[in-house]
N, C-alpha and C. Protein backbone atom coordinates (compact mmCIF):
# COMPACT_ATOMS: atom_id res chain seq x y z
N MET A 1 5.15 -6.45 15.15
CA MET A 1 4.95 -6.06 16.53
C MET A 1 5.19 -4.57 16.74
N ASP A 2 5.96 -3.94 15.86
CA ASP A 2 6.17 -2.50 15.99
C ASP A 2 4.86 -1.74 15.88
N PHE A 3 3.94 -2.24 15.05
CA PHE A 3 2.65 -1.57 14.89
C PHE A 3 1.90 -1.52 16.21
N ILE A 4 1.88 -2.62 16.92
CA ILE A 4 1.17 -2.67 18.21
C ILE A 4 1.85 -1.74 19.21
N ALA A 5 3.16 -1.78 19.26
CA ALA A 5 3.90 -0.90 20.18
C ALA A 5 3.65 0.56 19.84
N LEU A 6 3.59 0.89 18.56
CA LEU A 6 3.31 2.26 18.14
C LEU A 6 1.91 2.68 18.58
N CYS A 7 0.92 1.80 18.40
CA CYS A 7 -0.45 2.10 18.82
C CYS A 7 -0.55 2.28 20.33
N ARG A 8 0.27 1.58 21.06
CA ARG A 8 0.27 1.69 22.53
C ARG A 8 1.04 2.91 23.01
N GLY A 9 1.70 3.62 22.09
CA GLY A 9 2.48 4.79 22.47
C GLY A 9 3.86 4.44 23.00
N GLU A 10 4.33 3.23 22.73
CA GLU A 10 5.61 2.78 23.25
C GLU A 10 6.78 3.15 22.33
N LEU A 11 6.51 3.66 21.15
CA LEU A 11 7.55 4.09 20.22
C LEU A 11 7.35 5.56 19.89
N ASP A 12 8.43 6.32 19.83
CA ASP A 12 8.27 7.74 19.50
C ASP A 12 8.76 8.08 18.10
N ASP A 13 9.33 7.13 17.38
CA ASP A 13 9.92 7.46 16.08
C ASP A 13 8.93 7.31 14.92
N GLY A 14 7.68 7.06 15.20
CA GLY A 14 6.67 6.97 14.15
C GLY A 14 6.70 5.63 13.44
N PRO A 15 5.78 5.44 12.50
CA PRO A 15 5.72 4.18 11.78
C PRO A 15 6.92 3.99 10.86
N LYS A 16 7.24 2.75 10.56
CA LYS A 16 8.40 2.45 9.71
C LYS A 16 8.06 2.53 8.22
N VAL A 17 6.79 2.64 7.89
CA VAL A 17 6.39 2.83 6.50
C VAL A 17 5.61 4.14 6.40
N SER A 18 5.69 4.76 5.23
CA SER A 18 5.01 6.03 5.03
C SER A 18 3.63 5.82 4.44
N ILE A 19 2.86 6.87 4.38
CA ILE A 19 1.55 6.81 3.76
C ILE A 19 1.70 6.51 2.27
N GLU A 20 2.79 6.99 1.67
CA GLU A 20 3.06 6.70 0.26
C GLU A 20 3.32 5.21 0.04
N ASP A 21 4.02 4.58 0.98
CA ASP A 21 4.25 3.13 0.90
C ASP A 21 2.92 2.38 0.94
N GLY A 22 2.03 2.80 1.83
CA GLY A 22 0.72 2.16 1.93
C GLY A 22 -0.10 2.36 0.67
N LEU A 23 -0.08 3.58 0.13
CA LEU A 23 -0.82 3.87 -1.10
C LEU A 23 -0.32 3.01 -2.24
N LEU A 24 0.99 2.89 -2.37
CA LEU A 24 1.57 2.09 -3.45
C LEU A 24 1.19 0.62 -3.32
N SER A 25 1.19 0.08 -2.10
CA SER A 25 0.83 -1.33 -1.93
C SER A 25 -0.64 -1.57 -2.29
N VAL A 26 -1.51 -0.64 -1.94
CA VAL A 26 -2.92 -0.76 -2.32
C VAL A 26 -3.07 -0.66 -3.82
N ALA A 27 -2.36 0.29 -4.44
CA ALA A 27 -2.43 0.47 -5.89
C ALA A 27 -1.95 -0.78 -6.63
N ILE A 28 -0.93 -1.44 -6.12
CA ILE A 28 -0.45 -2.68 -6.74
C ILE A 28 -1.55 -3.75 -6.69
N GLY A 29 -2.23 -3.85 -5.55
CA GLY A 29 -3.32 -4.81 -5.44
C GLY A 29 -4.47 -4.49 -6.38
N VAL A 30 -4.81 -3.22 -6.50
CA VAL A 30 -5.87 -2.79 -7.41
C VAL A 30 -5.49 -3.12 -8.85
N ALA A 31 -4.25 -2.83 -9.22
CA ALA A 31 -3.77 -3.13 -10.58
C ALA A 31 -3.81 -4.63 -10.85
N ALA A 32 -3.43 -5.42 -9.86
CA ALA A 32 -3.43 -6.87 -10.03
C ALA A 32 -4.85 -7.39 -10.26
N HIS A 33 -5.79 -6.93 -9.47
CA HIS A 33 -7.18 -7.37 -9.64
C HIS A 33 -7.76 -6.90 -10.97
N LYS A 34 -7.44 -5.68 -11.35
CA LYS A 34 -7.93 -5.16 -12.63
C LYS A 34 -7.35 -5.98 -13.77
N SER A 35 -6.09 -6.34 -13.67
CA SER A 35 -5.43 -7.17 -14.69
C SER A 35 -6.10 -8.54 -14.81
N ILE A 36 -6.39 -9.14 -13.68
CA ILE A 36 -7.06 -10.45 -13.67
C ILE A 36 -8.46 -10.33 -14.28
N ASP A 37 -9.20 -9.33 -13.84
CA ASP A 37 -10.58 -9.15 -14.32
C ASP A 37 -10.65 -8.88 -15.81
N GLU A 38 -9.71 -8.07 -16.31
CA GLU A 38 -9.76 -7.64 -17.71
C GLU A 38 -8.84 -8.44 -18.63
N GLY A 39 -8.01 -9.30 -18.05
CA GLY A 39 -7.11 -10.14 -18.84
C GLY A 39 -6.09 -9.36 -19.64
N ARG A 40 -5.55 -8.31 -19.02
CA ARG A 40 -4.55 -7.48 -19.72
C ARG A 40 -3.57 -6.89 -18.72
N TRP A 41 -2.46 -6.36 -19.26
CA TRP A 41 -1.50 -5.65 -18.43
C TRP A 41 -2.13 -4.35 -17.97
N VAL A 42 -1.88 -3.96 -16.74
CA VAL A 42 -2.37 -2.69 -16.22
C VAL A 42 -1.17 -1.91 -15.69
N ALA A 43 -0.95 -0.73 -16.26
CA ALA A 43 0.17 0.12 -15.84
C ALA A 43 -0.18 0.79 -14.51
N MET A 44 0.82 0.96 -13.67
CA MET A 44 0.61 1.62 -12.39
C MET A 44 0.11 3.05 -12.58
N GLU A 45 0.55 3.71 -13.65
CA GLU A 45 0.09 5.07 -13.92
C GLU A 45 -1.43 5.11 -14.11
N GLU A 46 -1.98 4.05 -14.68
CA GLU A 46 -3.42 3.96 -14.89
C GLU A 46 -4.16 3.91 -13.55
N VAL A 47 -3.61 3.20 -12.60
CA VAL A 47 -4.25 3.03 -11.30
C VAL A 47 -4.03 4.26 -10.42
N LEU A 48 -2.87 4.86 -10.53
CA LEU A 48 -2.53 6.01 -9.67
C LEU A 48 -3.08 7.32 -10.21
N ALA A 49 -3.63 7.32 -11.42
CA ALA A 49 -4.13 8.58 -12.03
C ALA A 49 -5.38 9.07 -11.37
């Protein structure tokens, strides 16, 4: 619900997660899908490079 309040301008302290947090969560999902598709371990460094 904080997201909605933030979008409405009801919070002044900004989002509770950073852009880096969002990037990392997307990278984890990409690594997971790549691992499933290729049947191997995928290092986060490979995805974040």
